[in-house]
PDB file of N, CA and C in Angstrom:
ATOM      1  N   UNK A   1     121.221  29.383  -1.912  1.00  0.00           N
ATOM      2  CA  UNK A   1     119.794  30.298  -3.025  1.00  0.00           C
ATOM      3  C   UNK A   1     119.044  30.869  -1.615  1.00  0.00           C
ATOM      4  N   UNK A   2     118.878  32.212  -1.817  1.00  0.00           N
ATOM      5  CA  UNK A   2     118.209  32.749  -0.823  1.00  0.00           C
ATOM      6  C   UNK A   2     116.499  32.537  -1.428  1.00  0.00           C
ATOM      7  N   UNK A   3     115.674  32.681  -0.591  1.00  0.00           N
ATOM      8  CA  UNK A   3     114.055  32.398  -0.889  1.00  0.00           C
ATOM      9  C   UNK A   3     113.602  33.505  -0.070  1.00  0.00           C
ATOM     10  N   UNK A   4     112.503  34.307  -0.627  1.00  0.00           N
ATOM     11  CA  UNK A   4     112.233  35.247   0.422  1.00  0.00           C
ATOM     12  C   UNK A   4     110.635  34.959   0.335  1.00  0.00           C
ATOM     13  N   UNK A   5     110.394  34.909   1.544  1.00  0.00           N
ATOM     14  CA  UNK A   5     108.640  34.871   1.773  1.00  0.00           C
ATOM     15  C   UNK A   5     107.786  36.050   1.674  1.00  0.00           C
ATOM     16  N   UNK A   6     106.919  35.909   1.023  1.00  0.00           N
ATOM     17  CA  UNK A   6     105.815  37.058   0.648  1.00  0.00           C
ATOM     18  C   UNK A   6     104.502  36.886   1.614  1.00  0.00           C
ATOM     19  N   UNK A   7     104.056  37.831   1.669  1.00  0.00           N
ATOM     20  CA  UNK A   7     102.818  37.625   2.420  1.00  0.00           C
ATOM     21  C   UNK A   7     101.500  38.266   1.457  1.00  0.00           C
ATOM     22  N   UNK A   8     102.007  39.109   0.389  1.00  0.00           N
ATOM     23  CA  UNK A   8     100.920  39.020  -0.398  1.00  0.00           C
ATOM     24  C   UNK A   8     101.852  39.379  -1.735  1.00  0.00           C
ATOM     25  N   UNK A   9     101.113  38.879  -2.784  1.00  0.00           N
ATOM     26  CA  UNK A   9     101.687  39.042  -4.212  1.00  0.00           C
ATOM     27  C   UNK A   9     100.745  38.828  -5.386  1.00  0.00           C
ATOM     28  N   UNK A  10     100.963  39.791  -6.260  1.00  0.00           N
ATOM     29  CA  UNK A  10      99.957  39.587  -7.401  1.00  0.00           C
ATOM     30  C   UNK A  10     100.999  39.962  -8.642  1.00  0.00           C
ATOM     31  N   UNK A  11     100.923  39.250  -9.840  1.00  0.00           N
ATOM     32  CA  UNK A  11     101.875  39.339 -10.876  1.00  0.00           C
ATOM     33  C   UNK A  11     100.900  39.689 -12.335  1.00  0.00           C
ATOM     34  N   UNK A  12     101.503  40.680 -12.741  1.00  0.00           N
ATOM     35  CA  UNK A  12     100.398  40.627 -14.372  1.00  0.00           C
ATOM     36  C   UNK A  12      98.879  41.164 -14.509  1.00  0.00           C
ATOM     37  N   UNK A  13      98.102  41.294 -13.425  1.00  0.00           N
ATOM     38  CA  UNK A  13      96.953  41.372 -12.544  1.00  0.00           C
ATOM     39  C   UNK A  13      96.153  42.271 -13.330  1.00  0.00           C
ATOM     40  N   UNK A  14      95.240  41.982 -14.685  1.00  0.00           N
ATOM     41  CA  UNK A  14      94.295  42.891 -15.015  1.00  0.00           C
ATOM     42  C   UNK A  14      92.948  42.553 -15.098  1.00  0.00           C
ATOM     43  N   UNK A  15      92.539  43.401 -14.535  1.00  0.00           N
ATOM     44  CA  UNK A  15      90.599  43.148 -14.423  1.00  0.00           C
ATOM     45  C   UNK A  15      89.777  43.855 -15.156  1.00  0.00           C
ATOM     46  N   UNK A  16      88.917  43.845 -15.811  1.00  0.00           N
ATOM     47  CA  UNK A  16      88.190  44.526 -16.647  1.00  0.00           C
ATOM     48  C   UNK A  16      86.653  44.601 -16.196  1.00  0.00           C
ATOM     49  N   UNK A  17      85.931  45.447 -16.229  1.00  0.00           N
ATOM     50  CA  UNK A  17      84.345  45.738 -15.934  1.00  0.00           C
ATOM     51  C   UNK A  17      84.010  46.051 -16.998  1.00  0.00           C
ATOM     52  N   UNK A  18      82.534  45.903 -17.431  1.00  0.00           N
ATOM     53  CA  UNK A  18      82.114  46.302 -18.641  1.00  0.00           C
ATOM     54  C   UNK A  18      82.467  47.810 -19.102  1.00  0.00           C
ATOM     55  N   UNK A  19      83.071  48.107 -20.050  1.00  0.00           N
ATOM     56  CA  UNK A  19      83.582  49.479 -20.365  1.00  0.00           C
ATOM     57  C   UNK A  19      84.753  50.206 -19.837  1.00  0.00           C
ATOM     58  N   UNK A  20      85.264  49.632 -18.861  1.00  0.00           N
ATOM     59  CA  UNK A  20      86.254  49.982 -17.632  1.00  0.00           C
ATOM     60  C   UNK A  20      87.412  49.245 -17.694  1.00  0.00           C
ATOM     61  N   UNK A  21      88.370  49.279 -17.724  1.00  0.00           N
ATOM     62  CA  UNK A  21      90.044  48.896 -17.493  1.00  0.00           C
ATOM     63  C   UNK A  21      90.199  49.082 -16.272  1.00  0.00           C
ATOM     64  N   UNK A  22      90.005  48.739 -14.971  1.00  0.00           N
ATOM     65  CA  UNK A  22      90.039  48.754 -13.751  1.00  0.00           C
ATOM     66  C   UNK A  22      91.920  48.728 -13.114  1.00  0.00           C
ATOM     67  N   UNK A  23      92.411  47.360 -13.815  1.00  0.00           N
ATOM     68  CA  UNK A  23      93.672  47.593 -13.436  1.00  0.00           C
ATOM     69  C   UNK A  23      94.324  46.848 -14.782  1.00  0.00           C
ATOM     70  N   UNK A  24      95.322  47.159 -15.143  1.00  0.00           N
ATOM     71  CA  UNK A  24      96.275  46.646 -16.412  1.00  0.00           C
ATOM     72  C   UNK A  24      97.686  46.381 -16.008  1.00  0.00           C
ATOM     73  N   UNK A  25      98.091  45.060 -16.214  1.00  0.00           N
ATOM     74  CA  UNK A  25      99.408  44.361 -16.114  1.00  0.00           C
ATOM     75  C   UNK A  25      99.892  45.187 -14.304  1.00  0.00           C
ATOM     76  N   UNK A  26      99.484  44.551 -13.476  1.00  0.00           N
ATOM     77  CA  UNK A  26      99.825  45.193 -12.349  1.00  0.00           C
ATOM     78  C   UNK A  26     100.453  44.222 -11.567  1.00  0.00           C
ATOM     79  N   UNK A  27     102.049  44.730 -11.380  1.00  0.00           N
ATOM     80  CA  UNK A  27     102.707  44.094  -9.868  1.00  0.00           C
ATOM     81  C   UNK A  27     102.744  44.777  -8.859  1.00  0.00           C
ATOM     82  N   UNK A  28     102.624  43.738  -7.944  1.00  0.00           N
ATOM     83  CA  UNK A  28     102.512  44.188  -6.548  1.00  0.00           C
ATOM     84  C   UNK A  28     102.642  43.191  -5.286  1.00  0.00           C
ATOM     85  N   UNK A  29     103.741  43.535  -4.703  1.00  0.00           N
ATOM     86  CA  UNK A  29     104.151  42.530  -3.641  1.00  0.00           C
ATOM     87  C   UNK A  29     104.732  43.349  -2.097  1.00  0.00           C
ATOM     88  N   UNK A  30     104.178  42.625  -1.001  1.00  0.00           N
ATOM     89  CA  UNK A  30     104.727  43.026   0.367  1.00  0.00           C
ATOM     90  C   UNK A  30     105.136  41.801   0.826  1.00  0.00           C
ATOM     91  N   UNK A  31     106.506  42.095   1.414  1.00  0.00           N
ATOM     92  CA  UNK A  31     107.558  40.830   1.537  1.00  0.00           C
ATOM     93  C   UNK A  31     107.102  41.001   3.261  1.00  0.00           C
ATOM     94  N   UNK A  32     107.484  39.947   3.941  1.00  0.00           N
ATOM     95  CA  UNK A  32     107.166  39.967   5.385  1.00  0.00           C
ATOM     96  C   UNK A  32     108.118  41.034   6.222  1.00  0.00           C
ATOM     97  N   UNK A  33     107.506  41.932   7.079  1.00  0.00           N
ATOM     98  CA  UNK A  33     107.988  42.840   7.787  1.00  0.00           C
ATOM     99  C   UNK A  33     107.902  44.324   7.147  1.00  0.00           C
ATOM    100  N   UNK A  34     107.585  44.154   5.878  1.00  0.00           N
ATOM    101  CA  UNK A  34     107.429  45.395   4.862  1.00  0.00           C
ATOM    102  C   UNK A  34     105.837  46.301   5.062  1.00  0.00           C
ATOM    103  N   UNK A  35     106.091  47.462   5.356  1.00  0.00           N
ATOM    104  CA  UNK A  35     104.703  48.292   5.532  1.00  0.00           C
ATOM    105  C   UNK A  35     104.439  49.213   3.811  1.00  0.00           C
ATOM    106  N   UNK A  36     103.416  48.856   3.054  1.00  0.00           N
ATOM    107  CA  UNK A  36     103.165  49.723   1.858  1.00  0.00           C
ATOM    108  C   UNK A  36     101.837  49.984   1.878  1.00  0.00           C
ATOM    109  N   UNK A  37     101.876  51.364   1.103  1.00  0.00           N
ATOM    110  CA  UNK A  37     100.809  52.142   0.916  1.00  0.00           C
ATOM    111  C   UNK A  37      99.989  52.203  -0.303  1.00  0.00           C
ATOM    112  N   UNK A  38      98.944  51.869  -0.157  1.00  0.00           N
ATOM    113  CA  UNK A  38      98.369  52.232  -1.753  1.00  0.00           C
ATOM    114  C   UNK A  38      97.462  53.511  -2.406  1.00  0.00           C
ATOM    115  N   UNK A  39      98.162  54.573  -2.581  1.00  0.00           N
ATOM    116  CA  UNK A  39      97.619  55.683  -2.806  1.00  0.00           C
ATOM    117  C   UNK A  39      96.972  56.383  -4.215  1.00  0.00           C
ATOM    118  N   UNK A  40      95.903  56.886  -4.071  1.00  0.00           N
ATOM    119  CA  UNK A  40      95.618  56.778  -5.579  1.00  0.00           C
ATOM    120  C   UNK A  40      93.788  57.908  -5.334  1.00  0.00           C
ATOM    121  N   UNK A  41      93.636  58.336  -6.248  1.00  0.00           N
ATOM    122  CA  UNK A  41      92.327  59.180  -6.326  1.00  0.00           C
ATOM    123  C   UNK A  41      91.209  58.216  -6.385  1.00  0.00           C
ATOM    124  N   UNK A  42      90.185  58.740  -6.285  1.00  0.00           N
ATOM    125  CA  UNK A  42      89.118  57.979  -6.357  1.00  0.00           C
ATOM    126  C   UNK A  42      88.656  57.336  -7.288  1.00  0.00           C
ATOM    127  N   UNK A  43      88.471  56.130  -7.323  1.00  0.00           N
ATOM    128  CA  UNK A  43      88.187  55.323  -8.608  1.00  0.00           C
ATOM    129  C   UNK A  43      89.527  54.782  -9.298  1.00  0.00           C
ATOM    130  N   UNK A  44      90.535  55.220  -8.840  1.00  0.00           N
ATOM    131  CA  UNK A  44      91.895  54.897  -9.389  1.00  0.00           C
ATOM    132  C   UNK A  44      92.036  53.159  -9.328  1.00  0.00           C
ATOM    133  N   UNK A  45      91.314  52.335  -8.580  1.00  0.00           N
ATOM    134  CA  UNK A  45      91.504  51.163  -8.697  1.00  0.00           C
ATOM    135  C   UNK A  45      92.070  50.508  -7.402  1.00  0.00           C
ATOM    136  N   UNK A  46      92.029  51.315  -6.312  1.00  0.00           N
ATOM    137  CA  UNK A  46      92.697  51.033  -4.926  1.00  0.00           C
ATOM    138  C   UNK A  46      92.284  49.405  -4.556  1.00  0.00           C
ATOM    139  N   UNK A  47      90.756  49.704  -4.347  1.00  0.00           N
ATOM    140  CA  UNK A  47      89.917  48.594  -3.492  1.00  0.00           C
ATOM    141  C   UNK A  47      90.327  46.998  -4.443  1.00  0.00           C
ATOM    142  N   UNK A  48      90.287  47.634  -5.941  1.00  0.00           N
ATOM    143  CA  UNK A  48      89.887  46.215  -6.833  1.00  0.00           C
ATOM    144  C   UNK A  48      91.409  45.668  -6.585  1.00  0.00           C
ATOM    145  N   UNK A  49      92.020  46.132  -6.395  1.00  0.00           N
ATOM    146  CA  UNK A  49      93.810  45.791  -6.246  1.00  0.00           C
ATOM    147  C   UNK A  49      93.718  45.085  -5.151  1.00  0.00           C
ATOM    148  N   UNK A  50      93.284  45.511  -4.033  1.00  0.00           N
ATOM    149  CA  UNK A  50      93.468  44.283  -2.758  1.00  0.00           C
ATOM    150  C   UNK A  50      92.332  43.474  -2.761  1.00  0.00           C
TER     151      UNK A  50
END
């Protein structure tokens, strides 16, 4: 069995502020040695995800 180490992982993440759904069922992972970018318009939820 191969196990993969992850430095950052979220599964089924949903965050809601009053009147605004910021994240809806988001899955995101970064494995050791990977480089990822989060790109989107202002107010798209990038900072909320991080």
